[in-house]
Structures are given as structure tokens and as C-alpha cells.
């Protein structure tokens, strides 16, 4: 199957969501370079495991994003600016079956990452609000959670602005971790 055909199949599973300034859409093979630039930036991953990703790891992440929709009926969206179509990050839900307590299995684990040059302009809050509304409309039976490093104050503010509240403090991969829910 050609990548153009495969790309069109995944697009049909992922709803397009538009906000005032953003378009949330299915990931495409063409996103790989921009996605790699984001995930290989030490500043971006400082609170997300701390290790920049290689191009190979990012390719696997893109495949995972597409696969989530097929397996679970929800997943991650690519985030792009509406005015220029530029890919600027990822946002969405997963069930990663993390080996942690409390168990998050069966819950919508919310996550987001945006290119550093877009930080501070409200894009994260805008996208989080849109995806939160999607989850309430399409998966209301599932509890929504997000895990955030206690040091990641900007993401904590975004989560709290979207109505998330601290649920648990735990340790994941030897690092203190906060679990928020709404």
C-alpha cells in the first residue's frame, strides 16, 4: 500500500477539530521532520523523560499515534496553525498501560507537546479546551487524567485552566509525578 493511500486511511479515523487559531488533524508521514525537530529539542523533553528522541523514535511515535485511533477509537492529533498550516505539535489521548500506581488503565490519558517557539501564546490552552470538549462529547464514560512533572509549571497551569485538579502524587520511572483528573 502506498504511503499516500495509507495516510488517507488514517485520516478518516481522526476527526478534524478547528479552534480560532488551530487545526487538529490526523498525523501524516510529512509531519516526521517537524515532529522530530520538536521531540529532539532538550527544552521540550526536559519534563517528559528528559531525553531527546531520535528520528527513528519519532517515526515510531507517529505510527503509534495513528495506531491508537484504530485500536482504541481515540488518540493523538497533529496540531497546526490555521493561518499557515505549519505543524507545531501533538495533543490527544492514549492508554499507555503504564506500570505505575495509581493505575491509569482504561482512562483517557491526556498529553500535549508544542514547539518551543509557540509557547506562551495560549495555543496549549486553546487546544486542550477543544480536546477536552471532544472527550466529553465522544468518550464521556472514561475518566480523563494527565501526568505532569511537578517542575512543569506551565503544563500544570494549562491543566488547571482546563478544569483538571490534582488527584494523586506518585513516582513514575524514578521521578516524582503528579496525576491530575477532571
N, C-alpha and C. Protein backbone atom coordinates (compact mmCIF):
# COMPACT_ATOMS: atom_id res chain seq x y z
N UNK A 1 0.85 -1.17 0.00
CA UNK A 1 0.00 0.00 0.00
C UNK A 1 0.90 1.23 0.00
N UNK A 2 0.64 2.18 -0.86
CA UNK A 2 1.47 3.39 -0.91
C UNK A 2 1.22 4.22 0.33
N UNK A 3 2.20 5.08 0.69
CA UNK A 3 2.02 5.91 1.88
C UNK A 3 0.89 6.91 1.68
N UNK A 4 0.63 7.33 0.45
CA UNK A 4 -0.49 8.25 0.20
C UNK A 4 -1.81 7.58 0.53
N UNK A 5 -1.96 6.31 0.12
CA UNK A 5 -3.18 5.57 0.43
C UNK A 5 -3.27 5.31 1.92
N UNK A 6 -2.16 4.86 2.53
CA UNK A 6 -2.18 4.59 3.97
C UNK A 6 -2.51 5.86 4.74
N UNK A 7 -1.94 6.99 4.33
CA UNK A 7 -2.23 8.25 5.00
C UNK A 7 -3.69 8.62 4.91
N UNK A 8 -4.30 8.36 3.77
CA UNK A 8 -5.71 8.72 3.62
C UNK A 8 -6.60 7.82 4.47
N UNK A 9 -6.19 6.57 4.70
CA UNK A 9 -6.98 5.68 5.55
C UNK A 9 -6.99 6.17 6.99
N UNK A 10 -5.83 6.58 7.52
CA UNK A 10 -5.78 7.04 8.90
C UNK A 10 -6.51 8.35 9.07
N UNK A 11 -6.49 9.19 8.06
CA UNK A 11 -7.16 10.48 8.15
C UNK A 11 -8.65 10.29 8.42
N UNK A 12 -9.27 9.28 7.82
CA UNK A 12 -10.69 9.06 8.00
C UNK A 12 -11.08 8.68 9.42
N UNK A 13 -10.15 8.15 10.20
CA UNK A 13 -10.44 7.77 11.58
C UNK A 13 -10.36 8.94 12.54
N UNK A 14 -9.63 9.96 12.18
CA UNK A 14 -9.33 11.06 13.09
C UNK A 14 -10.18 12.28 12.73
N UNK A 15 -11.05 12.71 13.63
CA UNK A 15 -11.85 13.89 13.32
C UNK A 15 -10.98 15.15 13.28
N UNK A 16 -11.29 16.04 12.38
CA UNK A 16 -10.61 17.33 12.33
C UNK A 16 -11.35 18.27 13.27
N UNK A 17 -10.60 18.92 14.14
CA UNK A 17 -11.17 19.87 15.09
C UNK A 17 -10.50 21.21 14.84
N UNK A 18 -11.31 22.25 14.69
CA UNK A 18 -10.76 23.58 14.47
C UNK A 18 -11.12 24.49 15.63
N UNK A 19 -10.15 25.27 16.05
CA UNK A 19 -10.36 26.31 17.05
C UNK A 19 -10.16 27.64 16.33
N UNK A 20 -10.14 28.70 17.08
CA UNK A 20 -9.96 30.01 16.45
C UNK A 20 -8.65 30.08 15.66
N UNK A 21 -7.57 29.53 16.22
CA UNK A 21 -6.26 29.66 15.57
C UNK A 21 -5.61 28.35 15.15
N UNK A 22 -6.20 27.22 15.54
CA UNK A 22 -5.55 25.93 15.33
C UNK A 22 -6.43 24.96 14.57
N UNK A 23 -5.78 24.04 13.89
CA UNK A 23 -6.45 22.89 13.28
C UNK A 23 -5.81 21.64 13.87
N UNK A 24 -6.63 20.77 14.42
CA UNK A 24 -6.18 19.50 14.97
C UNK A 24 -6.60 18.43 13.98
N UNK A 25 -5.65 17.67 13.49
CA UNK A 25 -5.91 16.74 12.39
C UNK A 25 -5.08 15.47 12.56
N UNK A 26 -5.31 14.51 11.68
CA UNK A 26 -4.53 13.27 11.69
C UNK A 26 -3.07 13.57 11.37
N UNK A 27 -2.20 12.79 11.97
CA UNK A 27 -0.78 12.88 11.63
C UNK A 27 -0.55 12.33 10.23
N UNK A 28 0.45 12.88 9.56
CA UNK A 28 0.83 12.45 8.21
C UNK A 28 2.32 12.12 8.20
N UNK A 29 2.72 11.31 7.24
CA UNK A 29 4.14 10.99 7.10
C UNK A 29 4.97 12.26 6.94
N UNK A 30 4.40 13.27 6.28
CA UNK A 30 5.13 14.52 6.06
C UNK A 30 5.41 15.29 7.34
N UNK A 31 4.77 14.93 8.45
CA UNK A 31 4.99 15.59 9.73
C UNK A 31 6.29 15.14 10.39
N UNK A 32 6.92 14.10 9.85
CA UNK A 32 8.05 13.48 10.53
C UNK A 32 9.17 14.47 10.84
N UNK A 33 9.59 15.26 9.88
CA UNK A 33 10.72 16.18 10.11
C UNK A 33 10.38 17.21 11.18
N UNK A 34 9.22 17.82 11.10
CA UNK A 34 8.83 18.82 12.10
C UNK A 34 8.62 18.19 13.47
N UNK A 35 8.06 16.99 13.49
CA UNK A 35 7.85 16.27 14.75
C UNK A 35 9.21 15.91 15.37
N UNK A 36 10.16 15.51 14.54
CA UNK A 36 11.49 15.20 15.03
C UNK A 36 12.15 16.44 15.61
N UNK A 37 11.99 17.58 14.95
CA UNK A 37 12.57 18.82 15.47
C UNK A 37 12.03 19.13 16.87
N UNK A 38 10.75 18.89 17.08
CA UNK A 38 10.15 19.15 18.40
C UNK A 38 10.67 18.16 19.43
N UNK A 39 10.55 16.86 19.15
CA UNK A 39 10.87 15.83 20.14
C UNK A 39 12.37 15.66 20.36
N UNK A 40 13.22 16.23 19.50
CA UNK A 40 14.67 16.15 19.71
C UNK A 40 15.20 17.38 20.45
N UNK A 41 14.34 18.31 20.76
CA UNK A 41 14.72 19.54 21.46
C UNK A 41 14.81 19.27 22.97
N UNK A 42 15.99 19.45 23.57
CA UNK A 42 16.13 19.18 25.01
C UNK A 42 15.16 19.98 25.88
N UNK A 43 14.84 21.19 25.47
CA UNK A 43 13.90 22.01 26.25
C UNK A 43 12.51 21.38 26.25
N UNK A 44 12.09 20.82 25.14
CA UNK A 44 10.76 20.21 25.03
C UNK A 44 10.65 18.99 25.94
N UNK A 45 11.67 18.16 25.96
CA UNK A 45 11.59 16.89 26.70
C UNK A 45 12.10 16.99 28.14
N UNK A 46 12.47 18.18 28.56
CA UNK A 46 13.02 18.36 29.91
C UNK A 46 12.13 17.72 30.97
N UNK A 47 10.80 17.86 30.83
CA UNK A 47 9.87 17.31 31.82
C UNK A 47 9.17 16.05 31.32
N UNK A 48 9.56 15.56 30.15
CA UNK A 48 8.92 14.37 29.56
C UNK A 48 10.01 13.32 29.35
N UNK A 49 10.54 12.82 30.42
CA UNK A 49 11.57 11.80 30.33
C UNK A 49 12.98 12.32 30.24
N UNK A 50 13.15 13.57 29.79
CA UNK A 50 14.45 14.22 29.79
C UNK A 50 15.41 13.86 28.68
N UNK A 51 15.05 12.91 27.82
CA UNK A 51 15.97 12.50 26.76
C UNK A 51 15.38 12.84 25.40
N UNK A 52 16.12 13.64 24.60
CA UNK A 52 15.63 13.93 23.25
C UNK A 52 15.46 12.65 22.44
N UNK A 53 14.47 12.65 21.57
CA UNK A 53 14.17 11.49 20.72
C UNK A 53 14.95 11.55 19.42
N UNK A 54 15.30 10.38 18.90
CA UNK A 54 15.93 10.28 17.59
C UNK A 54 14.84 10.31 16.52
N UNK A 55 15.27 10.48 15.27
CA UNK A 55 14.31 10.45 14.16
C UNK A 55 13.60 9.10 14.10
N UNK A 56 14.32 8.02 14.39
CA UNK A 56 13.70 6.69 14.39
C UNK A 56 12.63 6.58 15.47
N UNK A 57 12.92 7.08 16.67
CA UNK A 57 11.94 7.03 17.76
C UNK A 57 10.72 7.88 17.44
N UNK A 58 10.94 9.01 16.80
CA UNK A 58 9.81 9.87 16.44
C UNK A 58 8.95 9.20 15.37
N UNK A 59 9.57 8.50 14.42
CA UNK A 59 8.80 7.77 13.42
C UNK A 59 7.89 6.75 14.11
N UNK A 60 8.44 6.03 15.09
CA UNK A 60 7.63 5.06 15.84
C UNK A 60 6.51 5.76 16.61
N UNK A 61 6.78 6.94 17.12
CA UNK A 61 5.74 7.71 17.82
C UNK A 61 4.61 8.07 16.85
N UNK A 62 4.96 8.50 15.64
CA UNK A 62 3.92 8.82 14.65
C UNK A 62 3.08 7.58 14.33
N UNK A 63 3.74 6.44 14.18
CA UNK A 63 3.00 5.20 13.92
C UNK A 63 2.08 4.87 15.09
N UNK A 64 2.56 5.09 16.29
CA UNK A 64 1.75 4.86 17.49
C UNK A 64 0.53 5.77 17.50
N UNK A 65 0.74 7.04 17.17
CA UNK A 65 -0.38 7.99 17.15
C UNK A 65 -1.49 7.50 16.21
N UNK A 66 -1.10 7.07 15.03
CA UNK A 66 -2.08 6.59 14.06
C UNK A 66 -2.75 5.31 14.56
N UNK A 67 -1.96 4.41 15.14
CA UNK A 67 -2.49 3.14 15.62
C UNK A 67 -3.45 3.27 16.78
N UNK A 68 -3.27 4.27 17.62
CA UNK A 68 -4.19 4.46 18.75
C UNK A 68 -5.63 4.58 18.28
N UNK A 69 -5.84 5.33 17.21
CA UNK A 69 -7.20 5.53 16.70
C UNK A 69 -7.83 4.21 16.26
N UNK A 70 -7.05 3.36 15.61
CA UNK A 70 -7.58 2.07 15.16
C UNK A 70 -7.94 1.15 16.32
N UNK A 71 -7.08 1.11 17.33
CA UNK A 71 -7.27 0.19 18.44
C UNK A 71 -8.26 0.68 19.49
N UNK A 72 -8.24 1.98 19.77
CA UNK A 72 -9.00 2.49 20.91
C UNK A 72 -10.15 3.42 20.54
N UNK A 73 -10.16 3.92 19.31
CA UNK A 73 -11.20 4.87 18.93
C UNK A 73 -10.92 6.28 19.41
N UNK A 74 -9.73 6.50 19.90
CA UNK A 74 -9.25 7.83 20.27
C UNK A 74 -7.74 7.80 20.14
N UNK A 75 -7.11 8.96 20.19
CA UNK A 75 -5.67 9.00 20.03
C UNK A 75 -5.17 10.42 20.02
N UNK A 76 -4.10 10.63 19.26
CA UNK A 76 -3.45 11.94 19.19
C UNK A 76 -3.74 12.63 17.87
N UNK A 77 -3.82 13.94 17.95
CA UNK A 77 -3.96 14.80 16.78
C UNK A 77 -2.65 15.54 16.55
N UNK A 78 -2.37 15.86 15.31
CA UNK A 78 -1.33 16.81 14.97
C UNK A 78 -1.93 18.20 15.15
N UNK A 79 -1.15 19.11 15.67
CA UNK A 79 -1.60 20.49 15.87
C UNK A 79 -0.92 21.35 14.81
N UNK A 80 -1.73 22.11 14.08
CA UNK A 80 -1.15 23.03 13.10
C UNK A 80 -1.81 24.39 13.23
N UNK A 81 -1.04 25.40 12.89
CA UNK A 81 -1.57 26.76 12.86
C UNK A 81 -2.46 26.90 11.64
N UNK A 82 -3.66 27.44 11.83
CA UNK A 82 -4.60 27.57 10.72
C UNK A 82 -4.11 28.55 9.66
N UNK A 83 -3.50 29.63 10.08
CA UNK A 83 -3.15 30.68 9.12
C UNK A 83 -2.05 30.27 8.14
N UNK A 84 -1.22 29.28 8.51
CA UNK A 84 -0.15 28.90 7.59
C UNK A 84 0.01 27.38 7.42
N UNK A 85 -0.77 26.59 8.13
CA UNK A 85 -0.70 25.13 8.01
C UNK A 85 0.54 24.50 8.62
N UNK A 86 1.30 25.27 9.40
CA UNK A 86 2.54 24.76 9.99
C UNK A 86 2.25 23.81 11.15
N UNK A 87 2.86 22.61 11.08
CA UNK A 87 2.76 21.63 12.16
C UNK A 87 3.53 22.16 13.36
N UNK A 88 2.87 22.19 14.55
CA UNK A 88 3.53 22.75 15.73
C UNK A 88 3.49 21.83 16.95
N UNK A 89 2.89 20.63 16.82
CA UNK A 89 2.90 19.74 17.97
C UNK A 89 1.88 18.64 17.91
N UNK A 90 1.70 18.00 19.07
CA UNK A 90 0.81 16.86 19.21
C UNK A 90 -0.05 17.05 20.46
N UNK A 91 -1.29 16.56 20.38
CA UNK A 91 -2.18 16.59 21.54
C UNK A 91 -3.16 15.44 21.41
N UNK A 92 -3.52 14.86 22.53
CA UNK A 92 -4.52 13.81 22.46
C UNK A 92 -4.55 12.91 23.67
N UNK A 93 -5.09 11.71 23.43
CA UNK A 93 -5.33 10.74 24.49
C UNK A 93 -4.72 9.40 24.13
N UNK A 94 -4.38 8.64 25.17
CA UNK A 94 -3.88 7.28 24.98
C UNK A 94 -4.20 6.47 26.22
N UNK A 95 -4.01 5.19 26.10
CA UNK A 95 -3.97 4.29 27.25
C UNK A 95 -2.65 3.56 27.09
N UNK A 96 -1.60 4.10 27.69
CA UNK A 96 -0.25 3.56 27.53
C UNK A 96 0.02 2.36 28.42
N UNK A 97 -0.94 2.01 29.26
CA UNK A 97 -0.78 0.88 30.19
C UNK A 97 0.51 1.01 30.98
N UNK A 98 0.71 2.19 31.51
CA UNK A 98 1.92 2.48 32.28
C UNK A 98 1.97 1.60 33.53
N UNK A 99 3.18 1.19 33.86
CA UNK A 99 3.40 0.42 35.08
C UNK A 99 3.58 1.41 36.22
N UNK A 100 2.46 1.91 36.72
CA UNK A 100 2.50 2.91 37.79
C UNK A 100 1.27 2.76 38.67
N UNK A 101 1.38 3.33 39.86
CA UNK A 101 0.25 3.39 40.77
C UNK A 101 -0.03 4.86 41.04
N UNK A 102 -1.25 5.31 40.94
CA UNK A 102 -2.42 4.51 40.63
C UNK A 102 -2.40 4.07 39.16
N UNK A 103 -3.06 2.97 38.89
CA UNK A 103 -3.16 2.51 37.51
C UNK A 103 -4.05 3.47 36.72
N UNK A 104 -3.62 3.78 35.52
CA UNK A 104 -4.40 4.65 34.63
C UNK A 104 -5.09 3.85 33.53
N UNK A 105 -4.95 2.53 33.58
CA UNK A 105 -5.52 1.69 32.54
C UNK A 105 -7.03 1.91 32.46
N UNK A 106 -7.51 2.04 31.23
CA UNK A 106 -8.93 2.26 30.99
C UNK A 106 -9.34 3.72 31.11
N UNK A 107 -8.39 4.60 31.37
CA UNK A 107 -8.68 6.03 31.45
C UNK A 107 -8.11 6.71 30.21
N UNK A 108 -8.65 7.88 29.89
CA UNK A 108 -8.09 8.69 28.81
C UNK A 108 -6.91 9.46 29.39
N UNK A 109 -5.69 9.06 29.03
CA UNK A 109 -4.53 9.80 29.48
C UNK A 109 -4.23 10.91 28.48
N UNK A 110 -4.37 12.12 28.94
CA UNK A 110 -4.24 13.31 28.12
C UNK A 110 -2.78 13.74 28.06
N UNK A 111 -2.30 14.13 26.89
CA UNK A 111 -0.96 14.64 26.75
C UNK A 111 -0.87 15.68 25.65
N UNK A 112 0.11 16.55 25.75
CA UNK A 112 0.32 17.55 24.71
C UNK A 112 1.78 17.97 24.71
N UNK A 113 2.24 18.35 23.54
CA UNK A 113 3.58 18.90 23.37
C UNK A 113 3.52 19.87 22.20
N UNK A 114 4.12 21.04 22.39
CA UNK A 114 4.14 22.05 21.32
C UNK A 114 5.56 22.55 21.11
N UNK A 115 5.83 22.99 19.89
CA UNK A 115 7.14 23.54 19.55
C UNK A 115 7.45 24.73 20.47
N UNK A 116 8.70 24.83 20.94
CA UNK A 116 9.04 25.89 21.89
C UNK A 116 8.74 27.30 21.40
N UNK A 117 8.88 27.54 20.10
CA UNK A 117 8.63 28.89 19.59
C UNK A 117 7.16 29.29 19.68
N UNK A 118 6.28 28.33 19.99
CA UNK A 118 4.85 28.64 20.12
C UNK A 118 4.43 28.80 21.58
N UNK A 119 5.33 28.53 22.51
CA UNK A 119 4.99 28.62 23.93
C UNK A 119 4.64 30.06 24.32
N UNK A 120 3.72 30.18 25.25
CA UNK A 120 3.39 31.48 25.80
C UNK A 120 2.33 32.26 25.05
N UNK A 121 1.73 31.68 24.01
CA UNK A 121 0.71 32.43 23.27
C UNK A 121 -0.68 31.83 23.41
N UNK A 122 -0.85 30.89 24.33
CA UNK A 122 -2.18 30.34 24.59
C UNK A 122 -2.59 29.18 23.71
N UNK A 123 -1.71 28.72 22.82
CA UNK A 123 -2.06 27.59 21.95
C UNK A 123 -2.38 26.33 22.75
N UNK A 124 -1.58 26.05 23.78
CA UNK A 124 -1.82 24.83 24.56
C UNK A 124 -3.20 24.88 25.21
N UNK A 125 -3.53 25.99 25.83
CA UNK A 125 -4.85 26.11 26.48
C UNK A 125 -5.98 26.00 25.47
N UNK A 126 -5.80 26.60 24.30
CA UNK A 126 -6.82 26.54 23.25
C UNK A 126 -7.03 25.11 22.76
N UNK A 127 -5.94 24.39 22.53
CA UNK A 127 -6.05 23.01 22.06
C UNK A 127 -6.59 22.09 23.15
N UNK A 128 -6.14 22.27 24.39
CA UNK A 128 -6.62 21.44 25.50
C UNK A 128 -8.12 21.63 25.69
N UNK A 129 -8.60 22.85 25.60
CA UNK A 129 -10.05 23.09 25.74
C UNK A 129 -10.83 22.37 24.65
N UNK A 130 -10.33 22.41 23.42
CA UNK A 130 -11.03 21.75 22.31
C UNK A 130 -11.05 20.24 22.48
N UNK A 131 -9.95 19.65 22.89
CA UNK A 131 -9.88 18.20 23.04
C UNK A 131 -10.66 17.74 24.27
N UNK A 132 -10.68 18.56 25.30
CA UNK A 132 -11.50 18.24 26.47
C UNK A 132 -12.97 18.19 26.08
N UNK A 133 -13.41 19.14 25.29
CA UNK A 133 -14.80 19.14 24.81
C UNK A 133 -15.07 17.90 23.96
N UNK A 134 -14.10 17.51 23.11
CA UNK A 134 -14.27 16.30 22.29
C UNK A 134 -14.45 15.08 23.19
N UNK A 135 -13.62 14.96 24.23
CA UNK A 135 -13.71 13.78 25.11
C UNK A 135 -15.05 13.74 25.84
N UNK A 136 -15.56 14.88 26.24
CA UNK A 136 -16.85 14.91 26.93
C UNK A 136 -17.99 14.51 25.99
N UNK A 137 -17.87 14.87 24.72
CA UNK A 137 -18.92 14.54 23.75
C UNK A 137 -18.83 13.10 23.25
N UNK A 138 -17.60 12.57 23.12
CA UNK A 138 -17.41 11.28 22.46
C UNK A 138 -16.99 10.13 23.37
N UNK A 139 -16.42 10.42 24.50
CA UNK A 139 -16.00 9.36 25.44
C UNK A 139 -16.35 9.77 26.87
N UNK A 140 -17.59 10.16 27.13
CA UNK A 140 -17.94 10.67 28.47
C UNK A 140 -17.82 9.62 29.57
N UNK A 141 -17.84 8.35 29.20
CA UNK A 141 -17.76 7.29 30.20
C UNK A 141 -16.35 7.08 30.75
N UNK A 142 -15.34 7.67 30.11
CA UNK A 142 -13.96 7.45 30.53
C UNK A 142 -13.45 8.63 31.35
N UNK A 143 -12.79 8.31 32.44
CA UNK A 143 -12.14 9.32 33.26
C UNK A 143 -10.94 9.88 32.49
N UNK A 144 -10.75 11.18 32.56
CA UNK A 144 -9.64 11.83 31.87
C UNK A 144 -8.59 12.21 32.91
N UNK A 145 -7.34 11.82 32.64
CA UNK A 145 -6.23 12.12 33.54
C UNK A 145 -5.06 12.66 32.73
N UNK A 146 -4.15 13.32 33.40
CA UNK A 146 -2.88 13.68 32.77
C UNK A 146 -1.79 13.58 33.84
N UNK A 147 -0.61 13.17 33.42
CA UNK A 147 0.52 13.09 34.34
C UNK A 147 1.51 14.18 33.97
N UNK A 148 1.96 14.89 35.00
CA UNK A 148 2.82 16.05 34.79
C UNK A 148 3.92 16.06 35.84
N UNK A 149 5.12 16.40 35.43
CA UNK A 149 6.21 16.59 36.38
C UNK A 149 5.88 17.77 37.28
N UNK A 150 6.15 17.67 38.60
CA UNK A 150 5.88 18.79 39.50
C UNK A 150 6.63 20.06 39.11
N UNK A 151 7.72 19.93 38.36
CA UNK A 151 8.51 21.08 37.94
C UNK A 151 7.95 21.75 36.69
N UNK A 152 7.02 21.11 36.00
CA UNK A 152 6.49 21.64 34.74
C UNK A 152 5.32 22.58 35.03
N UNK A 153 5.65 23.74 35.58
CA UNK A 153 4.61 24.69 35.99
C UNK A 153 3.73 25.17 34.84
N UNK A 154 4.28 25.42 33.65
CA UNK A 154 3.39 25.84 32.55
C UNK A 154 2.31 24.80 32.22
N UNK A 155 2.68 23.52 32.19
CA UNK A 155 1.67 22.48 31.89
C UNK A 155 0.68 22.32 33.03
N UNK A 156 1.14 22.49 34.26
CA UNK A 156 0.20 22.44 35.40
C UNK A 156 -0.82 23.56 35.26
N UNK A 157 -0.37 24.76 34.89
CA UNK A 157 -1.31 25.88 34.71
C UNK A 157 -2.31 25.60 33.59
N UNK A 158 -1.84 25.03 32.48
CA UNK A 158 -2.74 24.69 31.37
C UNK A 158 -3.78 23.68 31.84
N UNK A 159 -3.33 22.65 32.54
CA UNK A 159 -4.26 21.62 33.03
C UNK A 159 -5.29 22.22 33.99
N UNK A 160 -4.84 23.02 34.92
CA UNK A 160 -5.77 23.62 35.89
C UNK A 160 -6.75 24.56 35.21
N UNK A 161 -6.28 25.31 34.22
CA UNK A 161 -7.18 26.20 33.48
C UNK A 161 -8.28 25.41 32.78
N UNK A 162 -7.97 24.17 32.37
CA UNK A 162 -8.95 23.32 31.68
C UNK A 162 -9.82 22.53 32.67
N UNK A 163 -9.66 22.79 33.96
CA UNK A 163 -10.51 22.14 34.95
C UNK A 163 -9.92 20.90 35.59
N UNK A 164 -8.67 20.59 35.31
CA UNK A 164 -8.03 19.44 35.95
C UNK A 164 -7.60 19.83 37.36
N UNK A 165 -7.70 18.87 38.27
CA UNK A 165 -7.29 19.07 39.65
C UNK A 165 -6.37 17.92 40.06
N UNK A 166 -5.45 18.22 40.97
CA UNK A 166 -4.52 17.20 41.44
C UNK A 166 -5.30 16.06 42.09
N UNK A 167 -5.00 14.84 41.65
CA UNK A 167 -5.66 13.64 42.17
C UNK A 167 -4.70 12.83 43.02
N UNK A 168 -3.49 12.59 42.52
CA UNK A 168 -2.50 11.75 43.21
C UNK A 168 -1.10 12.29 42.97
N UNK A 169 -0.23 12.04 43.94
CA UNK A 169 1.20 12.23 43.76
C UNK A 169 1.82 10.85 43.76
N UNK A 170 2.68 10.58 42.79
CA UNK A 170 3.25 9.24 42.67
C UNK A 170 4.67 9.35 42.16
N UNK A 171 5.26 8.22 41.86
CA UNK A 171 6.59 8.15 41.25
C UNK A 171 6.45 7.30 40.00
N UNK A 172 6.98 7.81 38.89
CA UNK A 172 6.97 7.06 37.64
C UNK A 172 8.36 7.15 37.04
N UNK A 173 8.95 6.02 36.73
CA UNK A 173 10.33 5.94 36.23
C UNK A 173 11.29 6.71 37.14
N UNK A 174 11.15 6.49 38.43
CA UNK A 174 12.01 7.09 39.46
C UNK A 174 11.90 8.61 39.54
N UNK A 175 10.86 9.19 38.98
CA UNK A 175 10.68 10.64 39.04
C UNK A 175 9.34 10.97 39.69
N UNK A 176 9.33 12.00 40.55
CA UNK A 176 8.06 12.43 41.12
C UNK A 176 7.10 12.82 40.00
N UNK A 177 5.85 12.42 40.14
CA UNK A 177 4.85 12.65 39.09
C UNK A 177 3.53 13.02 39.73
N UNK A 178 2.88 14.02 39.16
CA UNK A 178 1.55 14.43 39.60
C UNK A 178 0.53 13.87 38.63
N UNK A 179 -0.57 13.35 39.16
CA UNK A 179 -1.66 12.85 38.34
C UNK A 179 -2.85 13.77 38.55
N UNK A 180 -3.29 14.39 37.47
CA UNK A 180 -4.43 15.30 37.51
C UNK A 180 -5.63 14.62 36.87
N UNK A 181 -6.82 14.98 37.30
CA UNK A 181 -8.04 14.45 36.70
C UNK A 181 -9.09 15.55 36.63
N UNK A 182 -10.13 15.28 35.84
CA UNK A 182 -11.27 16.20 35.77
C UNK A 182 -12.55 15.40 35.63
